[in-house]
Every structure is written in C-alpha cells, then in structure tokens.
Amino acid sequence: MSERSSRTPRPPRRYPWLRPTAARETDSAARSSPGPHHPGPPRGEPVPAASGGAPAEDERSVVDAAVYRGGRRVGSPTTLAATYRRLREQPGAMAWIGLYRPSEAELLSLAEEFDLHKLAIEDAMEAHQRPKLERYGETLFVVLRAARYLDAPEEVDFGELHIFVGPDFVITVRHGAAPDLSAVRTRMESTPELLALGPEAVLYAILDAVVDGYAPVVAGVQNDIDEIETEVFRGDPEVSRRIYELSREMVEFQRATRPLVGMLRGLMAGFDKYGTDEELQRYLRDVADHVTHTSERVDGFRSALTDILAVNATLVTQQQNAEMRALAEAGFEQNEEVKKISAWAAILFAPTLVGTIYGMNFDHMPELHWALGYPFAVLLMAAVCVSLYVIFKRRDWL
C-alpha cells in the first residue's frame, strides 16, 4: 500500500441489501443532521467534545478521529463527515478513525466514502468473527481478538477488533473493552517518524499492542495453573470445575492467537510486492516472533490442563477407592462384632432355657424329686455351653 499524494472523492457506493428502502432514502440526511446522544465506550480513547451544540448522527460511536500528515496530527474532526472533508483538503494525509460499536448507518457511510467491500462491512456489523486477514483491492481487512486478564474473578476477557487499512486511512471498529487503542495512538503520535510510514505503521502498532496484551494473560494463566496443581493434590472438591473453566478459556485463547501466525506470515509475504518499509518489516517480524511464542505457550497450557485433569481424575478415583475400602473394613468389623454377640447369646441361651424350665415349679415334674436332678442340670448346661463355645471358636466367631 502506497500513500496517495492527492485524494479525490470516490463515487458513492450503495448497499441496498443491508438497509430497507426507506432507510436508504434518508441515509444522507441522517449523516448530516443532529441525532440523539449515544453513550461513549466504557474505556479506551476519550470521546472528543462536539462543537456547536448537539452531537451529529455519525458522532455517536466515534471515539477519536484524526488526520495526520508527515506523522503529525493536522486535524481532529469530531464527526465522520468532517473527517472526510479534512482528508480531502490535505493532499498526502492519512485519516485514523476509531469507532466503538458503530451503527449500521455509520459503517455504510464509511463504506461509501472509502469504497469498503460489502463482505467486510457485513463482518464488521455482525462481529463474532474469527481472527483473519483479507485483502479487497487496495484495502486490508483485519479481524483481531484481544484479551485481558481480570484479577478479581481470575478469568480471561476477550474483545473483538476490526481494522480497515487503505492507502490513506485506518478505521478501527471495537466490539469490546479490549484493546485500549488510546495508548496505541499516544505511542504513535509520540513517534512521528514511525507514524509517517503510513497506514501500515498504524496496523503494526495495533498488532503489537494486541500481542503485547497477551503477555499478562499468559502470566495470569500460568499462575492459575500453579494454584490448580496445588489444589489438585490438596484434594479441593471445586478444582475440577476450575480446570474445566480454564480449559474453555484456553480454547478461546488458542482461537485468538493461532490464526495470527498465518496472518503475519501473509503480511510478510507481501513485503516486496507492496514495498513495505524495511524498518517496518523488522517490527512486524518481531510481532510475529511474539505471536509464535504466545501460541506455543497457549498450546502448552492446554496440554498441561489436560494432564492435570487426568491426574485429578486418578486422585479422585483413588480417594473414592480408599473410602470404599474404609467402608468395607468398617462393615467387616461390624459383622465380626455381630458374630461375637450372636455367639455369646447362643451360648447363654442354653442354660437360660434349662433354668427357665426348672423354674416353673410344677408338682408333676419327676426331676424335682430326683436326687441327682440338680447336678445333672448343671452338668447339662455346662456341656451345652462348652460345646457351643468350641463350635463358634472353630468358625472364628469368637
């Protein structure tokens, strides 16, 4: 992409499949007439104040719009229409427009002004896209998935960023809190020699910021995995749920980082064809190295979590087996006690039965008047008790 020396207005380009007929008839008026105020983004670049009262329709989602020439800001328009005019008035200038969840009318206005492809506009409207890089003529369309680590809930938050890069413009469309593009703009404006390299330099800076934003996420996830390993061997019952949730986040992280490797290779393959500055080539190669390193770390995290989950399942099984063994041993000991009690009950039952019969004191009981009746009864009870004791002892009941 080479920076234009002059800029001429493009013919309007309509997208009848995206809006109803009545809405299309009022597109031009809607973009120039005042509209209701729309709250700005929760974080990122500060929203510039409108001049002359109520904000315009195309200002609702404009986070920051600037026109640069020679690496220095020469204009800070507050609306899309003003940005278009200022860019036409500045030969060889570049516009950088930052948007946060823009409306359909705003995207259509950008499409008509900068001749953006309908498929890229549809993707920017729908969001929820996989990271990718596509070229439509002189325009690059890049989708990135930024990430940030939230310390309080110990989870990873993902944001989506769409970038249109043309010969004399850069348009960023954010669909999440991350990344913070105000820091990128500040960095580029503080290094005008880098910003003077044109839209490709802005694309590099955004890629670098997104990739650098992965480093705190990697550090946070590594810390989580260390904590999980401790909880696994401590026997924490909630660790399985935490492993599963972190594994799902790593799947999302992998989807965000892995496509970047191929995307940057595609950019580097076009260095010679599109005459990319040599210094910018070095910067992009450095970003590619960081992406490769991050992607490898994420792959390692997924593998580690899989191994930890398997170890946790093994430890849970062993714990369950130990509990079942303890229950079985307790049941066996209880059975032994019941057997002893039963054996002694049977031994004591025999003399009790004999004594009970003799204790009835009926007149017509021959044994009552028998001289040997008493010793015979005592010997009988002793013989029965000894016999039962020997039997139960042999059967290990006693």
Foldseek 3Di string as FASTA:
>chain_A
DAAFQADDWDAFDDDPVPDPPVCVVCLVVQQPDADDAADEDPAAAAQDDDPDDGDGNQQRFWRWKFKDALLATPDTDRGPVVNLVVRNVDGRIAMETEGELGDLSNLSVVCRGVVDDPVLSVCLNVPPDFFDWDDDPQKIKTKAKAWAADDPVLAIDIWIWIWIFGSGYIYIYTHDNPDRCNVLVVVSSVPSNQPSLHRLSSVLSVLLSRLVNCVNVLVSLVVVLVVLLVCLVVVPPCSLVVLVRSLVRLVVVLSRQVVVLVRLVVVLVCCVVVVRDPVSSVSSVVSNVSSVVSNVSSVVSNVSSVVSNVSSVVVVVVVVVVVVVVVVVVVVVVVLVVLLVVLVVVLVVQLVVLVVVVVVPDPPDVLVPDPCSVVVSVVVSVVSSVVSVVVCVVVSSD
